């Protein structure tokens, strides 16, 4: 599984925002990471 991630930390009113993207072949368990 190919995993690509990019973290962006932005301070906005004391909150940290993080963006995450996962790219890979179909049916390799990408959704399982979020469902666990």
PDB file of N, CA and C in Angstrom:
ATOM      1  N   UNK A   1       0.848  -1.180   0.000  1.00  0.00           N
ATOM      2  CA  UNK A   1       0.000   0.000   0.000  1.00  0.00           C
ATOM      3  C   UNK A   1       0.893   1.243   0.000  1.00  0.00           C
ATOM      4  N   UNK A   2       0.602   2.129  -0.885  1.00  0.00           N
ATOM      5  CA  UNK A   2       1.316   3.400  -0.961  1.00  0.00           C
ATOM      6  C   UNK A   2       0.597   4.412  -0.087  1.00  0.00           C
ATOM      7  N   UNK A   3       1.300   5.012   0.839  1.00  0.00           N
ATOM      8  CA  UNK A   3       0.693   5.984   1.745  1.00  0.00           C
ATOM      9  C   UNK A   3       1.384   7.326   1.557  1.00  0.00           C
ATOM     10  N   UNK A   4       0.597   8.343   1.350  1.00  0.00           N
ATOM     11  CA  UNK A   4       1.106   9.700   1.205  1.00  0.00           C
ATOM     12  C   UNK A   4       0.431  10.540   2.261  1.00  0.00           C
ATOM     13  N   UNK A   5       1.193  11.274   3.012  1.00  0.00           N
ATOM     14  CA  UNK A   5       0.588  12.134   4.016  1.00  0.00           C
ATOM     15  C   UNK A   5       1.255  13.492   4.006  1.00  0.00           C
ATOM     16  N   UNK A   6       0.453  14.477   4.359  1.00  0.00           N
ATOM     17  CA  UNK A   6       0.953  15.844   4.436  1.00  0.00           C
ATOM     18  C   UNK A   6       0.290  16.495   5.632  1.00  0.00           C
ATOM     19  N   UNK A   7       1.083  16.929   6.573  1.00  0.00           N
ATOM     20  CA  UNK A   7       0.561  17.565   7.773  1.00  0.00           C
ATOM     21  C   UNK A   7       0.765  19.067   7.673  1.00  0.00           C
ATOM     22  N   UNK A   8      -0.306  19.783   7.931  1.00  0.00           N
ATOM     23  CA  UNK A   8      -0.245  21.234   7.967  1.00  0.00           C
ATOM     24  C   UNK A   8      -0.748  21.672   9.332  1.00  0.00           C
ATOM     25  N   UNK A   9       0.101  22.313  10.091  1.00  0.00           N
ATOM     26  CA  UNK A   9      -0.291  22.800  11.404  1.00  0.00           C
ATOM     27  C   UNK A   9      -0.538  24.299  11.321  1.00  0.00           C
ATOM     28  N   UNK A  10      -1.748  24.694  11.667  1.00  0.00           N
ATOM     29  CA  UNK A  10      -2.127  26.102  11.642  1.00  0.00           C
ATOM     30  C   UNK A  10      -2.721  26.445  13.002  1.00  0.00           C
ATOM     31  N   UNK A  11      -2.199  27.463  13.627  1.00  0.00           N
ATOM     32  CA  UNK A  11      -2.751  27.912  14.895  1.00  0.00           C
ATOM     33  C   UNK A  11      -3.877  28.900  14.616  1.00  0.00           C
ATOM     34  N   UNK A  12      -5.088  28.512  14.944  1.00  0.00           N
ATOM     35  CA  UNK A  12      -6.246  29.375  14.756  1.00  0.00           C
ATOM     36  C   UNK A  12      -7.091  29.295  16.021  1.00  0.00           C
ATOM     37  N   UNK A  13      -7.069  30.328  16.802  1.00  0.00           N
ATOM     38  CA  UNK A  13      -7.826  30.397  18.052  1.00  0.00           C
ATOM     39  C   UNK A  13      -7.496  29.218  18.966  1.00  0.00           C
ATOM     40  N   UNK A  14      -6.211  28.856  19.053  1.00  0.00           N
ATOM     41  CA  UNK A  14      -5.789  27.782  19.940  1.00  0.00           C
ATOM     42  C   UNK A  14      -6.043  26.387  19.412  1.00  0.00           C
ATOM     43  N   UNK A  15      -6.478  26.256  18.168  1.00  0.00           N
ATOM     44  CA  UNK A  15      -6.759  24.942  17.599  1.00  0.00           C
ATOM     45  C   UNK A  15      -5.695  24.607  16.555  1.00  0.00           C
ATOM     46  N   UNK A  16      -5.358  23.331  16.454  1.00  0.00           N
ATOM     47  CA  UNK A  16      -4.411  22.866  15.449  1.00  0.00           C
ATOM     48  C   UNK A  16      -5.179  22.088  14.392  1.00  0.00           C
ATOM     49  N   UNK A  17      -4.949  22.422  13.139  1.00  0.00           N
ATOM     50  CA  UNK A  17      -5.636  21.768  12.031  1.00  0.00           C
ATOM     51  C   UNK A  17      -4.646  20.847  11.331  1.00  0.00           C
ATOM     52  N   UNK A  18      -5.061  19.614  11.080  1.00  0.00           N
ATOM     53  CA  UNK A  18      -4.195  18.667  10.397  1.00  0.00           C
ATOM     54  C   UNK A  18      -4.947  18.058   9.224  1.00  0.00           C
ATOM     55  N   UNK A  19      -4.317  18.036   8.064  1.00  0.00           N
ATOM     56  CA  UNK A  19      -4.911  17.420   6.886  1.00  0.00           C
ATOM     57  C   UNK A  19      -4.141  16.145   6.580  1.00  0.00           C
ATOM     58  N   UNK A  20      -4.866  15.092   6.216  1.00  0.00           N
ATOM     59  CA  UNK A  20      -4.245  13.806   5.953  1.00  0.00           C
ATOM     60  C   UNK A  20      -4.852  13.208   4.702  1.00  0.00           C
ATOM     61  N   UNK A  21      -4.021  12.776   3.785  1.00  0.00           N
ATOM     62  CA  UNK A  21      -4.497  12.129   2.573  1.00  0.00           C
ATOM     63  C   UNK A  21      -3.833  10.773   2.419  1.00  0.00           C
ATOM     64  N   UNK A  22      -4.620   9.766   2.077  1.00  0.00           N
ATOM     65  CA  UNK A  22      -4.085   8.423   1.884  1.00  0.00           C
ATOM     66  C   UNK A  22      -4.406   7.990   0.463  1.00  0.00           C
ATOM     67  N   UNK A  23      -3.377   7.587  -0.258  1.00  0.00           N
ATOM     68  CA  UNK A  23      -3.524   7.169  -1.644  1.00  0.00           C
ATOM     69  C   UNK A  23      -2.996   5.755  -1.763  1.00  0.00           C
ATOM     70  N   UNK A  24      -3.747   4.901  -2.458  1.00  0.00           N
ATOM     71  CA  UNK A  24      -3.269   3.535  -2.658  1.00  0.00           C
ATOM     72  C   UNK A  24      -4.194   2.763  -3.571  1.00  0.00           C
ATOM     73  N   UNK A  25      -3.839   1.537  -3.811  1.00  0.00           N
ATOM     74  CA  UNK A  25      -4.646   0.672  -4.659  1.00  0.00           C
ATOM     75  C   UNK A  25      -5.977   0.353  -3.989  1.00  0.00           C
ATOM     76  N   UNK A  26      -7.003   0.015  -4.784  1.00  0.00           N
ATOM     77  CA  UNK A  26      -8.295  -0.367  -4.208  1.00  0.00           C
ATOM     78  C   UNK A  26      -8.176  -1.662  -3.393  1.00  0.00           C
ATOM     79  N   UNK A  27      -9.010  -1.772  -2.384  1.00  0.00           N
ATOM     80  CA  UNK A  27      -9.136  -2.988  -1.579  1.00  0.00           C
ATOM     81  C   UNK A  27      -7.841  -3.405  -0.886  1.00  0.00           C
ATOM     82  N   UNK A  28      -7.122  -2.441  -0.329  1.00  0.00           N
ATOM     83  CA  UNK A  28      -5.910  -2.782   0.415  1.00  0.00           C
ATOM     84  C   UNK A  28      -5.999  -2.360   1.878  1.00  0.00           C
ATOM     85  N   UNK A  29      -7.159  -1.860   2.321  1.00  0.00           N
ATOM     86  CA  UNK A  29      -7.349  -1.565   3.735  1.00  0.00           C
ATOM     87  C   UNK A  29      -7.173  -0.120   4.137  1.00  0.00           C
ATOM     88  N   UNK A  30      -7.278   0.797   3.200  1.00  0.00           N
ATOM     89  CA  UNK A  30      -7.134   2.216   3.555  1.00  0.00           C
ATOM     90  C   UNK A  30      -8.249   2.658   4.498  1.00  0.00           C
ATOM     91  N   UNK A  31      -9.463   2.264   4.232  1.00  0.00           N
ATOM     92  CA  UNK A  31     -10.593   2.659   5.080  1.00  0.00           C
ATOM     93  C   UNK A  31     -10.502   2.036   6.465  1.00  0.00           C
ATOM     94  N   UNK A  32      -9.859   0.900   6.570  1.00  0.00           N
ATOM     95  CA  UNK A  32      -9.726   0.226   7.862  1.00  0.00           C
ATOM     96  C   UNK A  32      -8.961   1.085   8.852  1.00  0.00           C
ATOM     97  N   UNK A  33      -8.035   1.901   8.366  1.00  0.00           N
ATOM     98  CA  UNK A  33      -7.287   2.782   9.262  1.00  0.00           C
ATOM     99  C   UNK A  33      -8.201   3.749   9.989  1.00  0.00           C
ATOM    100  N   UNK A  34      -9.244   4.220   9.320  1.00  0.00           N
ATOM    101  CA  UNK A  34     -10.168   5.167   9.934  1.00  0.00           C
ATOM    102  C   UNK A  34     -11.270   4.469  10.715  1.00  0.00           C
ATOM    103  N   UNK A  35     -11.617   3.250  10.343  1.00  0.00           N
ATOM    104  CA  UNK A  35     -12.695   2.533  11.009  1.00  0.00           C
ATOM    105  C   UNK A  35     -12.232   1.844  12.286  1.00  0.00           C
ATOM    106  N   UNK A  36     -10.941   1.717  12.486  1.00  0.00           N
ATOM    107  CA  UNK A  36     -10.417   0.995  13.657  1.00  0.00           C
ATOM    108  C   UNK A  36     -10.615   1.786  14.928  1.00  0.00           C
TER     109      UNK A  36
END
